[in-house]
């Protein structure tokens, strides 16, 4: 059974991407189809799903942590927003991300969605000490990204399909 806990307070998600203004949290059907295909035995389906996620809006769940004692407004209370991490039975930790509000709500309705890109989620995962990203942990189809893929994504790179395989795109910031 997986255990859920909070990462250290989120420090890098203060400026939500204006590209997502007006987003209502609907999942991208193309991304969901890629996740389903990644669960099959199709060659390159896993990398195709990661590449699809690189161009998608994801929702990073954050929750309030810290001093939540008492009720009602209290100027002396202190709470910080933190990314939600999950720990597997083996002890590995993963940062969560969701392709749609439906998948986030299936996991936990108390979490607040922060729209972001996969490289931003990867950066948050690395900052929090997680060894993986778990996409849509509660379904409809989950996917785990770890190892070298996680490191490359966290450095701001995005996986892209090429005519003869796969490559990395570095975005100018």
Foldseek 3Di string as FASTA:
>chain_A
DKDKDFFPFDDPQPDFDPVCVPPPFDFDPVLQVLLVQCPDPDPCSQVVSQLVLQPAKKWFWKAWDAFPPDDDDDPPGDIGITTMWMADPVGAIATEIERGPVLVVLVPPRTDTGIDGQLVSLLSCVVRVGQWYWYSPVDPGIDIDGDPRSVLSPVQWHWDADPVGIDIDHDDD
